[in-house]
Amino acid sequence: YCAAREIVPGRGRPPLWADEYEYWGQGTQVT
């Protein structure tokens, strides 16, 4: 899945946890 969220000012590292992201794609299977 790809995910996105607006950045938090002053936070350099991207969020690491799923519940920190607001927007999601539908997913693509990799086997």
PDB file of all heavy atoms in Angstrom:
ATOM      1  N   TYR A   1       0.833  -1.193   0.000  1.00  0.00           N
ATOM      2  CA  TYR A   1       0.000   0.000   0.000  1.00  0.00           C
ATOM      3  C   TYR A   1       0.874   1.252   0.000  1.00  0.00           C
ATOM      4  O   TYR A   1       1.904   1.277   0.680  1.00  0.00           O
ATOM      5  CB  TYR A   1      -0.878   0.053   1.250  1.00  0.00           C
ATOM      6  CG  TYR A   1      -1.852  -1.084   1.409  1.00  0.00           C
ATOM      7  CD1 TYR A   1      -1.477  -2.261   2.039  1.00  0.00           C
ATOM      8  CD2 TYR A   1      -3.155  -0.962   0.936  1.00  0.00           C
ATOM      9  CE1 TYR A   1      -2.374  -3.308   2.210  1.00  0.00           C
ATOM     10  CE2 TYR A   1      -4.065  -1.989   1.093  1.00  0.00           C
ATOM     11  CZ  TYR A   1      -3.675  -3.163   1.725  1.00  0.00           C
ATOM     12  OH  TYR A   1      -4.572  -4.191   1.877  1.00  0.00           O
ATOM     13  N   CYS A   2       0.429   2.281  -0.697  1.00  0.00           N
ATOM     14  CA  CYS A   2       1.056   3.581  -0.510  1.00  0.00           C
ATOM     15  C   CYS A   2       0.175   4.426   0.389  1.00  0.00           C
ATOM     16  O   CYS A   2      -1.052   4.229   0.453  1.00  0.00           O
ATOM     17  CB  CYS A   2       1.333   4.288  -1.839  1.00  0.00           C
ATOM     18  SG  CYS A   2      -0.094   4.622  -2.881  1.00  0.00           S
ATOM     19  N   ALA A   3       0.807   5.320   1.120  1.00  0.00           N
ATOM     20  CA  ALA A   3       0.112   6.128   2.116  1.00  0.00           C
ATOM     21  C   ALA A   3       0.682   7.538   2.133  1.00  0.00           C
ATOM     22  O   ALA A   3       1.838   7.744   1.750  1.00  0.00           O
ATOM     23  CB  ALA A   3       0.246   5.493   3.499  1.00  0.00           C
ATOM     24  N   ALA A   4      -0.122   8.480   2.608  1.00  0.00           N
ATOM     25  CA  ALA A   4       0.315   9.876   2.652  1.00  0.00           C
ATOM     26  C   ALA A   4      -0.338  10.598   3.820  1.00  0.00           C
ATOM     27  O   ALA A   4      -1.417  10.228   4.284  1.00  0.00           O
ATOM     28  CB  ALA A   4      -0.035  10.583   1.341  1.00  0.00           C
ATOM     29  N   ARG A   5       0.348  11.626   4.284  1.00  0.00           N
ATOM     30  CA  ARG A   5      -0.213  12.522   5.288  1.00  0.00           C
ATOM     31  C   ARG A   5       0.502  13.860   5.169  1.00  0.00           C
ATOM     32  O   ARG A   5       1.647  13.918   4.696  1.00  0.00           O
ATOM     33  CB  ARG A   5      -0.061  11.967   6.691  1.00  0.00           C
ATOM     34  CG  ARG A   5       1.362  11.825   7.189  1.00  0.00           C
ATOM     35  CD  ARG A   5       1.435  11.905   8.692  1.00  0.00           C
ATOM     36  NE  ARG A   5       1.071  13.226   9.164  1.00  0.00           N
ATOM     37  CZ  ARG A   5       0.524  13.442  10.348  1.00  0.00           C
ATOM     38  NH1 ARG A   5       0.272  12.436  11.169  1.00  0.00           N
ATOM     39  NH2 ARG A   5       0.228  14.674  10.728  1.00  0.00           N
ATOM     40  N   GLU A   6      -0.128  14.912   5.596  1.00  0.00           N
ATOM     41  CA  GLU A   6       0.539  16.208   5.611  1.00  0.00           C
ATOM     42  C   GLU A   6       1.656  16.159   6.638  1.00  0.00           C
ATOM     43  O   GLU A   6       1.533  15.518   7.685  1.00  0.00           O
ATOM     44  CB  GLU A   6      -0.465  17.309   5.956  1.00  0.00           C
ATOM     45  CG  GLU A   6      -1.504  17.523   4.856  1.00  0.00           C
ATOM     46  CD  GLU A   6      -2.379  18.721   5.120  1.00  0.00           C
ATOM     47  OE1 GLU A   6      -1.839  19.808   5.367  1.00  0.00           O
ATOM     48  OE2 GLU A   6      -3.619  18.558   5.077  1.00  0.00           O
ATOM     49  N   ILE A   7       2.758  16.829   6.310  1.00  0.00           N
ATOM     50  CA  ILE A   7       3.901  16.770   7.207  1.00  0.00           C
ATOM     51  C   ILE A   7       3.616  17.520   8.508  1.00  0.00           C
ATOM     52  O   ILE A   7       2.802  18.445   8.541  1.00  0.00           O
ATOM     53  CB  ILE A   7       5.171  17.341   6.552  1.00  0.00           C
ATOM     54  CG1 ILE A   7       4.973  18.812   6.161  1.00  0.00           C
ATOM     55  CG2 ILE A   7       5.582  16.497   5.368  1.00  0.00           C
ATOM     56  CD1 ILE A   7       6.249  19.475   5.682  1.00  0.00           C
ATOM     57  N   VAL A   8       4.274  17.072   9.537  1.00  0.00           N
ATOM     58  CA  VAL A   8       4.214  17.743  10.835  1.00  0.00           C
ATOM     59  C   VAL A   8       5.391  18.709  10.888  1.00  0.00           C
ATOM     60  O   VAL A   8       6.544  18.287  10.764  1.00  0.00           O
ATOM     61  CB  VAL A   8       4.297  16.732  11.991  1.00  0.00           C
ATOM     62  CG1 VAL A   8       4.328  17.449  13.325  1.00  0.00           C
ATOM     63  CG2 VAL A   8       3.138  15.754  11.916  1.00  0.00           C
ATOM     64  N   PRO A   9       5.146  20.010  11.052  1.00  0.00           N
ATOM     65  CA  PRO A   9       6.249  20.968  11.078  1.00  0.00           C
ATOM     66  C   PRO A   9       7.297  20.607  12.113  1.00  0.00           C
ATOM     67  O   PRO A   9       6.968  20.251  13.251  1.00  0.00           O
ATOM     68  CB  PRO A   9       5.547  22.290  11.422  1.00  0.00           C
ATOM     69  CG  PRO A   9       4.161  22.111  10.936  1.00  0.00           C
ATOM     70  CD  PRO A   9       3.842  20.659  11.169  1.00  0.00           C
ATOM     71  N   GLY A  10       8.529  20.657  11.724  1.00  0.00           N
ATOM     72  CA  GLY A  10       9.628  20.380  12.639  1.00  0.00           C
ATOM     73  C   GLY A  10       9.984  18.919  12.781  1.00  0.00           C
ATOM     74  O   GLY A  10      10.972  18.577  13.443  1.00  0.00           O
ATOM     75  N   ARG A  11       9.214  18.056  12.164  1.00  0.00           N
ATOM     76  CA  ARG A  11       9.502  16.624  12.247  1.00  0.00           C
ATOM     77  C   ARG A  11      10.199  16.198  10.971  1.00  0.00           C
ATOM     78  O   ARG A  11       9.608  16.221   9.905  1.00  0.00           O
ATOM     79  CB  ARG A  11       8.219  15.829  12.453  1.00  0.00           C
ATOM     80  CG  ARG A  11       8.446  14.333  12.583  1.00  0.00           C
ATOM     81  CD  ARG A  11       7.159  13.618  12.918  1.00  0.00           C
ATOM     82  NE  ARG A  11       7.367  12.186  13.071  1.00  0.00           N
ATOM     83  CZ  ARG A  11       6.409  11.328  13.402  1.00  0.00           C
ATOM     84  NH1 ARG A  11       5.184  11.762  13.638  1.00  0.00           N
ATOM     85  NH2 ARG A  11       6.659  10.044  13.518  1.00  0.00           N
ATOM     86  N   GLY A  12      11.457  15.802  11.075  1.00  0.00           N
ATOM     87  CA  GLY A  12      12.218  15.464   9.888  1.00  0.00           C
ATOM     88  C   GLY A  12      11.961  14.070   9.376  1.00  0.00           C
ATOM     89  O   GLY A  12      11.855  13.847   8.178  1.00  0.00           O
ATOM     90  N   ARG A  13      11.851  13.105  10.296  1.00  0.00           N
ATOM     91  CA  ARG A  13      11.700  11.720   9.871  1.00  0.00           C
ATOM     92  C   ARG A  13      10.249  11.460   9.481  1.00  0.00           C
ATOM     93  O   ARG A  13       9.323  11.958  10.111  1.00  0.00           O
ATOM     94  CB  ARG A  13      12.092  10.789  11.022  1.00  0.00           C
ATOM     95  CG  ARG A  13      12.216   9.340  10.616  1.00  0.00           C
ATOM     96  CD  ARG A  13      12.601   8.471  11.800  1.00  0.00           C
ATOM     97  NE  ARG A  13      11.558   8.425  12.813  1.00  0.00           N
ATOM     98  CZ  ARG A  13      11.617   7.667  13.898  1.00  0.00           C
ATOM     99  NH1 ARG A  13      12.677   6.923  14.114  1.00  0.00           N
ATOM    100  NH2 ARG A  13      10.635   7.668  14.764  1.00  0.00           N
ATOM    101  N   PRO A  14      10.040  10.668   8.436  1.00  0.00           N
ATOM    102  CA  PRO A  14       8.658  10.334   8.077  1.00  0.00           C
ATOM    103  C   PRO A  14       8.013   9.486   9.164  1.00  0.00           C
ATOM    104  O   PRO A  14       8.706   8.741   9.866  1.00  0.00           O
ATOM    105  CB  PRO A  14       8.805   9.539   6.774  1.00  0.00           C
ATOM    106  CG  PRO A  14      10.194   9.005   6.820  1.00  0.00           C
ATOM    107  CD  PRO A  14      11.009  10.033   7.520  1.00  0.00           C
ATOM    108  N   PRO A  15       6.702   9.576   9.337  1.00  0.00           N
ATOM    109  CA  PRO A  15       6.008   8.723  10.313  1.00  0.00           C
ATOM    110  C   PRO A  15       6.227   7.256   9.971  1.00  0.00           C
ATOM    111  O   PRO A  15       6.320   6.878   8.804  1.00  0.00           O
ATOM    112  CB  PRO A  15       4.541   9.124  10.156  1.00  0.00           C
ATOM    113  CG  PRO A  15       4.584  10.494   9.586  1.00  0.00           C
ATOM    114  CD  PRO A  15       5.774  10.512   8.691  1.00  0.00           C
ATOM    115  N   LEU A  16       6.300   6.423  11.011  1.00  0.00           N
ATOM    116  CA  LEU A  16       6.636   5.018  10.814  1.00  0.00           C
ATOM    117  C   LEU A  16       5.445   4.083  10.971  1.00  0.00           C
ATOM    118  O   LEU A  16       5.532   2.917  10.574  1.00  0.00           O
ATOM    119  CB  LEU A  16       7.719   4.601  11.805  1.00  0.00           C
ATOM    120  CG  LEU A  16       9.017   5.419  11.799  1.00  0.00           C
ATOM    121  CD1 LEU A  16      10.011   4.794  12.763  1.00  0.00           C
ATOM    122  CD2 LEU A  16       9.596   5.514  10.401  1.00  0.00           C
ATOM    123  N   TRP A  17       4.344   4.566  11.541  1.00  0.00           N
ATOM    124  CA  TRP A  17       3.233   3.690  11.886  1.00  0.00           C
ATOM    125  C   TRP A  17       2.018   3.956  11.023  1.00  0.00           C
ATOM    126  O   TRP A  17       1.731   5.093  10.657  1.00  0.00           O
ATOM    127  CB  TRP A  17       2.881   3.845  13.365  1.00  0.00           C
ATOM    128  CG  TRP A  17       4.063   3.647  14.241  1.00  0.00           C
ATOM    129  CD1 TRP A  17       4.793   4.592  14.872  1.00  0.00           C
ATOM    130  CD2 TRP A  17       4.702   2.387  14.530  1.00  0.00           C
ATOM    131  NE1 TRP A  17       5.835   4.025  15.558  1.00  0.00           N
ATOM    132  CE2 TRP A  17       5.801   2.666  15.364  1.00  0.00           C
ATOM    133  CE3 TRP A  17       4.428   1.062  14.187  1.00  0.00           C
ATOM    134  CZ2 TRP A  17       6.643   1.671  15.850  1.00  0.00           C
ATOM    135  CZ3 TRP A  17       5.269   0.073  14.667  1.00  0.00           C
ATOM    136  CH2 TRP A  17       6.348   0.379  15.489  1.00  0.00           C
ATOM    137  N   ALA A  18       1.291   2.895  10.716  1.00  0.00           N
ATOM    138  CA  ALA A  18       0.161   2.988   9.801  1.00  0.00           C
ATOM    139  C   ALA A  18      -0.882   3.992  10.293  1.00  0.00           C
ATOM    140  O   ALA A  18      -1.473   4.726   9.479  1.00  0.00           O
ATOM    141  CB  ALA A  18      -0.472   1.616   9.587  1.00  0.00           C
ATOM    142  N   ASP A  19      -1.125   4.033  11.607  1.00  0.00           N
ATOM    143  CA  ASP A  19      -2.185   4.910  12.105  1.00  0.00           C
ATOM    144  C   ASP A  19      -1.797   6.390  12.072  1.00  0.00           C
ATOM    145  O   ASP A  19      -2.613   7.251  12.397  1.00  0.00           O
ATOM    146  CB  ASP A  19      -2.644   4.501  13.499  1.00  0.00           C
ATOM    147  CG  ASP A  19      -1.540   4.540  14.532  1.00  0.00           C
ATOM    148  OD1 ASP A  19      -0.424   4.994  14.201  1.00  0.00           O
ATOM    149  OD2 ASP A  19      -1.776   4.104  15.673  1.00  0.00           O
ATOM    150  N   GLU A  20      -0.560   6.674  11.663  1.00  0.00           N
ATOM    151  CA  GLU A  20      -0.131   8.064  11.509  1.00  0.00           C
ATOM    152  C   GLU A  20      -0.437   8.602  10.120  1.00  0.00           C
ATOM    153  O   GLU A  20      -0.263   9.787   9.874  1.00  0.00           O
ATOM    154  CB  GLU A  20       1.368   8.184  11.786  1.00  0.00           C
ATOM    155  CG  GLU A  20       1.760   7.837  13.224  1.00  0.00           C
ATOM    156  CD  GLU A  20       3.248   8.067  13.453  1.00  0.00           C
ATOM    157  OE1 GLU A  20       4.034   7.146  13.138  1.00  0.00           O
ATOM    158  OE2 GLU A  20       3.616   9.144  13.927  1.00  0.00           O
ATOM    159  N   TYR A  21      -0.848   7.739   9.215  1.00  0.00           N
ATOM    160  CA  TYR A  21      -1.140   8.147   7.847  1.00  0.00           C
ATOM    161  C   TYR A  21      -2.640   8.267   7.627  1.00  0.00           C
ATOM    162  O   TYR A  21      -3.414   7.425   8.078  1.00  0.00           O
ATOM    163  CB  TYR A  21      -0.517   7.170   6.851  1.00  0.00           C
ATOM    164  CG  TYR A  21       0.984   7.334   6.777  1.00  0.00           C
ATOM    165  CD1 TYR A  21       1.812   6.670   7.682  1.00  0.00           C
ATOM    166  CD2 TYR A  21       1.564   8.175   5.841  1.00  0.00           C
ATOM    167  CE1 TYR A  21       3.188   6.856   7.645  1.00  0.00           C
ATOM    168  CE2 TYR A  21       2.935   8.357   5.790  1.00  0.00           C
ATOM    169  CZ  TYR A  21       3.734   7.694   6.697  1.00  0.00           C
ATOM    170  OH  TYR A  21       5.092   7.872   6.659  1.00  0.00           O
ATOM    171  N   GLU A  22      -3.020   9.306   6.906  1.00  0.00           N
ATOM    172  CA  GLU A  22      -4.434   9.609   6.726  1.00  0.00           C
ATOM    173  C   GLU A  22      -5.005   9.050   5.426  1.00  0.00           C
ATOM    174  O   GLU A  22      -6.182   8.716   5.364  1.00  0.00           O
ATOM    175  CB  GLU A  22      -4.622  11.133   6.747  1.00  0.00           C
ATOM    176  CG  GLU A  22      -6.073  11.581   6.697  1.00  0.00           C
ATOM    177  CD  GLU A  22      -6.210  13.079   6.886  1.00  0.00           C
ATOM    178  OE1 GLU A  22      -5.185  13.777   7.025  1.00  0.00           O
ATOM    179  OE2 GLU A  22      -7.369  13.554   6.887  1.00  0.00           O
ATOM    180  N   TYR A  23      -4.169   8.972   4.420  1.00  0.00           N
ATOM    181  CA  TYR A  23      -4.662   8.591   3.094  1.00  0.00           C
ATOM    182  C   TYR A  23      -3.977   7.309   2.626  1.00  0.00           C
ATOM    183  O   TYR A  23      -2.764   7.143   2.807  1.00  0.00           O
ATOM    184  CB  TYR A  23      -4.405   9.718   2.091  1.00  0.00           C
ATOM    185  CG  TYR A  23      -4.969  11.040   2.533  1.00  0.00           C
ATOM    186  CD1 TYR A  23      -4.136  12.052   2.995  1.00  0.00           C
ATOM    187  CD2 TYR A  23      -6.344  11.279   2.491  1.00  0.00           C
ATOM    188  CE1 TYR A  23      -4.658  13.270   3.408  1.00  0.00           C
ATOM    189  CE2 TYR A  23      -6.868  12.488   2.892  1.00  0.00           C
ATOM    190  CZ  TYR A  23      -6.024  13.477   3.355  1.00  0.00           C
ATOM    191  OH  TYR A  23      -6.545  14.676   3.757  1.00  0.00           O
ATOM    192  N   TRP A  24      -4.762   6.443   1.991  1.00  0.00           N
ATOM    193  CA  TRP A  24      -4.278   5.134   1.566  1.00  0.00           C
ATOM    194  C   TRP A  24      -4.772   4.780   0.173  1.00  0.00           C
ATOM    195  O   TRP A  24      -5.876   5.165  -0.229  1.00  0.00           O
ATOM    196  CB  TRP A  24      -4.771   4.055   2.541  1.00  0.00           C
ATOM    197  CG  TRP A  24      -4.164   4.166   3.888  1.00  0.00           C
ATOM    198  CD1 TRP A  24      -4.603   4.925   4.939  1.00  0.00           C
ATOM    199  CD2 TRP A  24      -2.981   3.505   4.338  1.00  0.00           C
ATOM    200  NE1 TRP A  24      -3.762   4.774   6.018  1.00  0.00           N
ATOM    201  CE2 TRP A  24      -2.761   3.901   5.677  1.00  0.00           C
ATOM    202  CE3 TRP A  24      -2.090   2.613   3.749  1.00  0.00           C
ATOM    203  CZ2 TRP A  24      -1.681   3.446   6.431  1.00  0.00           C
ATOM    204  CZ3 TRP A  24      -1.023   2.163   4.488  1.00  0.00           C
ATOM    205  CH2 TRP A  24      -0.822   2.571   5.823  1.00  0.00           C
ATOM    206  N   GLY A  25      -3.938   4.017  -0.531  1.00  0.00           N
ATOM    207  CA  GLY A  25      -4.374   3.413  -1.770  1.00  0.00           C
ATOM    208  C   GLY A  25      -5.072   2.096  -1.486  1.00  0.00           C
ATOM    209  O   GLY A  25      -5.203   1.672  -0.336  1.00  0.00           O
ATOM    210  N   GLN A  26      -5.486   1.423  -2.547  1.00  0.00           N
ATOM    211  CA  GLN A  26      -6.258   0.193  -2.402  1.00  0.00           C
ATOM    212  C   GLN A  26      -5.370  -1.044  -2.276  1.00  0.00           C
ATOM    213  O   GLN A  26      -5.861  -2.124  -1.924  1.00  0.00           O
ATOM    214  CB  GLN A  26      -7.215   0.021  -3.589  1.00  0.00           C
ATOM    215  CG  GLN A  26      -6.608  -0.585  -4.848  1.00  0.00           C
ATOM    216  CD  GLN A  26      -5.640   0.341  -5.569  1.00  0.00           C
ATOM    217  OE1 GLN A  26      -5.569   1.538  -5.289  1.00  0.00           O
ATOM    218  NE2 GLN A  26      -4.898  -0.202  -6.524  1.00  0.00           N
ATOM    219  N   GLY A  27      -4.098  -0.897  -2.593  1.00  0.00           N
ATOM    220  CA  GLY A  27      -3.161  -2.006  -2.455  1.00  0.00           C
ATOM    221  C   GLY A  27      -2.910  -2.738  -3.752  1.00  0.00           C
ATOM    222  O   GLY A  27      -3.760  -2.775  -4.647  1.00  0.00           O
ATOM    223  N   THR A  28      -1.729  -3.326  -3.858  1.00  0.00           N
ATOM    224  CA  THR A  28      -1.360  -4.154  -5.009  1.00  0.00           C
ATOM    225  C   THR A  28      -0.606  -5.371  -4.487  1.00  0.00           C
ATOM    226  O   THR A  28       0.265  -5.257  -3.624  1.00  0.00           O
ATOM    227  CB  THR A  28      -0.533  -3.355  -6.030  1.00  0.00           C
ATOM    228  OG1 THR A  28      -0.301  -4.158  -7.197  1.00  0.00           O
ATOM    229  CG2 THR A  28       0.811  -2.905  -5.472  1.00  0.00           C
ATOM    230  N   GLN A  29      -0.960  -6.540  -5.011  1.00  0.00           N
ATOM    231  CA  GLN A  29      -0.386  -7.792  -4.511  1.00  0.00           C
ATOM    232  C   GLN A  29       0.974  -8.035  -5.147  1.00  0.00           C
ATOM    233  O   GLN A  29       1.129  -7.949  -6.374  1.00  0.00           O
ATOM    234  CB  GLN A  29      -1.316  -8.959  -4.839  1.00  0.00           C
ATOM    235  CG  GLN A  29      -0.757 -10.335  -4.477  1.00  0.00           C
ATOM    236  CD  GLN A  29      -0.711 -10.570  -2.978  1.00  0.00           C
ATOM    237  OE1 GLN A  29      -1.673 -10.271  -2.263  1.00  0.00           O
ATOM    238  NE2 GLN A  29       0.395 -11.128  -2.493  1.00  0.00           N
ATOM    239  N   VAL A  30       1.941  -8.375  -4.315  1.00  0.00           N
ATOM    240  CA  VAL A  30       3.255  -8.811  -4.772  1.00  0.00           C
ATOM    241  C   VAL A  30       3.468 -10.226  -4.243  1.00  0.00           C
ATOM    242  O   VAL A  30       3.373 -10.464  -3.040  1.00  0.00           O
ATOM    243  CB  VAL A  30       4.376  -7.876  -4.270  1.00  0.00           C
ATOM    244  CG1 VAL A  30       5.742  -8.458  -4.621  1.00  0.00           C
ATOM    245  CG2 VAL A  30       4.217  -6.488  -4.866  1.00  0.00           C
ATOM    246  N   THR A  31       3.741 -11.148  -5.156  1.00  0.00           N
ATOM    247  CA  THR A  31       3.985 -12.532  -4.782  1.00  0.00           C
ATOM    248  C   THR A  31       5.352 -12.941  -5.307  1.00  0.00           C
ATOM    249  O   THR A  31       5.627 -12.810  -6.502  1.00  0.00           O
ATOM    250  CB  THR A  31       2.909 -13.460  -5.354  1.00  0.00           C
ATOM    251  OG1 THR A  31       1.618 -13.040  -4.888  1.00  0.00           O
ATOM    252  CG2 THR A  31       3.154 -14.898  -4.916  1.00  0.00           C
TER     253      THR A  31
END
